[in-house]
Amino acid sequence: MDFTTLIKTRYSVRKYKPQKISDELIKEVLEAGRLAPSAVNYQPFLFIVVNDPEILNELHSAYPREWFATAPQVIVIAADHKASWKRGKDAKDHADIDLAIATDHMTLRAAELGLGTCWVCNFDPRIVSKTLNLPEHLEPAVLLPVGRPEEVEAPPKKRKPLSELVRFNGY
């Protein structure tokens, strides 16, 4: 699939078939995240694959949506604030930016492989941290369910026109 088709057809999947994804396919998705660029190549993130039903159930309590419980596995993407690059002039922490790039690479690779994902950011991070026994410097930032989508066809995208998003040489 060419890149333009990929970005036009990828969508946030909110209903999954119950079958688990093979370790080989999950590894392909994770490898895409590992290869993503990051500030100073520090790679300040950790990918935690959750496929144990008991742990998945606990994660569902952090984001109690019925559709979320249909995902056969979830990749928890955590920012490592000890390892992130901070900009010298204002100490801006780039962990969230780097993590977002890695997550996007994973979502696109998953779509290319015929898998569905959905960025989930509206969850209780305390529950996720406790469930996964995360140290304080790791912040769970994204829950990324991964599975075979029930619906194969992408719904229409709602996007602003380019003219509302682009300026040249200033505001």
Protein backbone atom coordinates (compact mmCIF):
# COMPACT_ATOMS: atom_id res chain seq x y z
CA MET A 1 0.00 0.00 0.00
CA ASP A 2 1.45 3.39 -0.91
CA PHE A 3 1.83 6.02 1.83
CA THR A 4 -0.95 8.33 0.66
CA THR A 5 -3.45 5.47 0.63
CA LEU A 6 -2.23 4.38 4.06
CA ILE A 7 -2.74 7.77 5.70
CA LYS A 8 -6.11 8.23 4.02
CA THR A 9 -7.44 4.83 5.08
CA ARG A 10 -6.04 4.52 8.63
CA TYR A 11 -8.71 5.25 11.22
CA SER A 12 -9.35 4.90 14.95
CA VAL A 13 -10.73 1.40 15.40
CA ARG A 14 -13.28 1.05 18.18
CA LYS A 15 -14.37 -2.56 17.72
CA TYR A 16 -12.02 -5.52 17.51
CA LYS A 17 -12.28 -9.19 16.69
CA PRO A 18 -11.37 -11.28 19.78
CA GLN A 19 -8.41 -13.07 18.20
CA LYS A 20 -4.94 -12.21 19.53
CA ILE A 21 -2.37 -10.89 17.13
CA SER A 22 0.71 -13.04 16.53
CA ASP A 23 3.92 -12.12 18.32
CA GLU A 24 5.52 -11.59 14.90
CA LEU A 25 2.97 -8.94 13.90
CA ILE A 26 3.17 -7.19 17.27
CA LYS A 27 6.96 -7.16 16.92
CA GLU A 28 6.59 -5.49 13.49
CA VAL A 29 4.42 -2.78 15.06
CA LEU A 30 6.88 -2.29 17.93
CA GLU A 31 9.83 -2.15 15.52
CA ALA A 32 8.16 0.73 13.69
CA GLY A 33 8.04 2.62 16.99
CA ARG A 34 11.67 1.81 17.74
CA LEU A 35 12.76 3.15 14.35
CA ALA A 36 10.93 6.47 14.82
CA PRO A 37 13.05 9.60 15.11
CA SER A 38 13.44 11.24 18.51
CA ALA A 39 15.21 14.32 19.83
CA VAL A 40 18.95 13.59 19.97
CA ASN A 41 17.94 9.95 19.33
CA TYR A 42 17.35 9.48 23.08
CA GLN A 43 14.22 7.34 22.52
CA PRO A 44 12.64 8.32 25.87
CA PHE A 45 9.78 5.86 25.79
CA LEU A 46 8.89 2.35 26.78
CA PHE A 47 6.40 0.06 25.06
CA ILE A 48 4.58 -2.37 27.36
CA VAL A 49 2.57 -5.03 25.54
CA VAL A 50 -0.37 -6.20 27.62
CA ASN A 51 -2.09 -9.38 26.49
CA ASP A 52 -2.77 -11.09 29.82
CA PRO A 53 -6.58 -11.08 30.35
CA GLU A 54 -6.33 -10.14 34.04
CA ILE A 55 -4.04 -7.19 33.38
CA LEU A 56 -6.17 -6.12 30.41
CA ASN A 57 -9.19 -6.13 32.70
CA GLU A 58 -7.37 -3.82 35.12
CA LEU A 59 -6.41 -1.51 32.25
CA HIS A 60 -10.07 -1.40 31.22
CA SER A 61 -10.86 0.13 34.60
CA ALA A 62 -8.54 3.02 33.68
CA TYR A 63 -10.62 3.64 30.56
CA PRO A 64 -14.01 1.99 31.09
CA ARG A 65 -15.40 2.01 27.57
CA GLU A 66 -17.13 -1.06 26.20
CA TRP A 67 -15.30 -0.90 22.88
CA PHE A 68 -11.90 -0.72 24.62
CA ALA A 69 -12.56 -4.04 26.31
CA THR A 70 -12.84 -5.70 22.88
CA ALA A 71 -9.13 -5.21 22.10
CA PRO A 72 -7.18 -8.46 22.47
CA GLN A 73 -4.04 -6.57 23.48
CA VAL A 74 -2.96 -3.07 24.36
CA ILE A 75 0.41 -1.42 24.00
CA VAL A 76 0.98 1.04 26.83
CA ILE A 77 3.38 3.74 25.70
CA ALA A 78 5.13 5.45 28.57
CA ALA A 79 7.31 8.56 28.54
CA ASP A 80 10.65 8.20 30.29
CA HIS A 81 11.29 11.67 31.68
CA LYS A 82 14.70 10.68 33.02
CA ALA A 83 15.86 9.78 29.52
CA SER A 84 14.29 12.59 27.50
CA TRP A 85 16.11 15.47 25.89
CA LYS A 86 15.36 18.88 27.39
CA ARG A 87 15.85 22.00 25.29
CA GLY A 88 18.61 24.19 26.70
CA LYS A 89 16.90 27.58 26.42
CA ASP A 90 13.73 26.71 28.34
CA ALA A 91 14.10 23.07 29.53
CA LYS A 92 11.20 21.94 27.28
CA ASP A 93 10.89 18.18 27.79
CA HIS A 94 10.56 16.44 24.40
CA ALA A 95 9.41 13.06 25.75
CA ASP A 96 5.78 13.65 24.70
CA ILE A 97 6.81 14.71 21.20
CA ASP A 98 9.12 11.73 20.76
CA LEU A 99 6.51 9.36 22.13
CA ALA A 100 3.88 10.75 19.75
CA ILE A 101 6.14 10.21 16.75
CA ALA A 102 6.81 6.62 17.82
CA THR A 103 3.10 6.00 18.43
CA ASP A 104 2.22 7.37 15.00
CA HIS A 105 4.78 5.11 13.36
CA MET A 106 3.21 2.15 15.16
CA THR A 107 -0.34 3.07 14.15
CA LEU A 108 0.67 3.41 10.52
CA ARG A 109 2.61 0.14 10.48
CA ALA A 110 -0.33 -1.62 12.14
CA ALA A 111 -2.69 -0.27 9.47
CA GLU A 112 -0.34 -1.40 6.73
CA LEU A 113 -0.43 -4.90 8.27
CA GLY A 114 -4.25 -4.89 8.29
CA LEU A 115 -4.48 -4.24 12.03
CA GLY A 116 -6.50 -1.59 13.82
CA THR A 117 -5.42 0.81 16.55
CA CYS A 118 -6.83 3.78 18.40
CA TRP A 119 -4.89 6.38 20.38
CA VAL A 120 -6.38 6.50 23.86
CA CYS A 121 -5.21 9.38 26.02
CA ASN A 122 -8.32 9.98 28.16
CA PHE A 123 -7.55 7.42 30.86
CA ASP A 124 -6.60 7.40 34.54
CA PRO A 125 -2.78 7.26 34.55
CA ARG A 126 -2.68 6.35 38.25
CA ILE A 127 -4.55 3.11 37.57
CA VAL A 128 -2.24 2.26 34.65
CA SER A 129 0.90 3.06 36.66
CA LYS A 130 -0.28 0.96 39.58
CA THR A 131 -1.43 -1.93 37.37
CA LEU A 132 1.92 -2.10 35.58
CA ASN A 133 4.02 -1.20 38.64
CA LEU A 134 5.66 1.69 36.78
CA PRO A 135 8.44 3.64 38.47
CA GLU A 136 7.76 7.34 39.09
CA HIS A 137 9.85 8.58 36.13
CA LEU A 138 7.70 6.61 33.64
CA GLU A 139 4.47 8.35 32.70
CA PRO A 140 1.84 6.33 30.85
CA ALA A 141 0.85 8.62 27.98
CA VAL A 142 -0.98 6.46 25.42
CA LEU A 143 -2.99 3.26 25.53
CA LEU A 144 -2.84 1.75 22.07
CA PRO A 145 -5.27 -1.12 21.56
CA VAL A 146 -4.18 -3.36 18.69
CA GLY A 147 -6.27 -5.98 16.95
CA ARG A 148 -8.15 -7.04 13.87
CA PRO A 149 -10.92 -4.51 13.21
CA GLU A 150 -14.53 -5.67 13.00
CA GLU A 151 -15.21 -3.03 10.34
CA VAL A 152 -12.69 -3.05 7.53
CA GLU A 153 -13.75 0.08 5.67
CA ALA A 154 -12.58 3.40 7.06
CA PRO A 155 -15.25 5.94 7.92
CA PRO A 156 -15.00 9.35 6.20
CA LYS A 157 -12.36 11.60 7.75
CA LYS A 158 -13.47 14.90 9.25
CA ARG A 159 -10.60 17.30 8.75
CA LYS A 160 -10.28 21.05 8.47
CA PRO A 161 -9.39 22.36 5.03
CA LEU A 162 -5.67 22.93 4.51
CA SER A 163 -6.30 26.68 4.16
CA GLU A 164 -7.27 26.82 7.85
CA LEU A 165 -4.11 25.08 8.97
CA VAL A 166 -1.35 26.67 6.92
CA ARG A 167 0.32 30.07 6.93
CA PHE A 168 3.44 31.12 5.05
CA ASN A 169 6.21 33.27 6.55
CA GLY A 170 4.30 34.21 9.70
CA TYR A 171 0.85 34.28 11.18
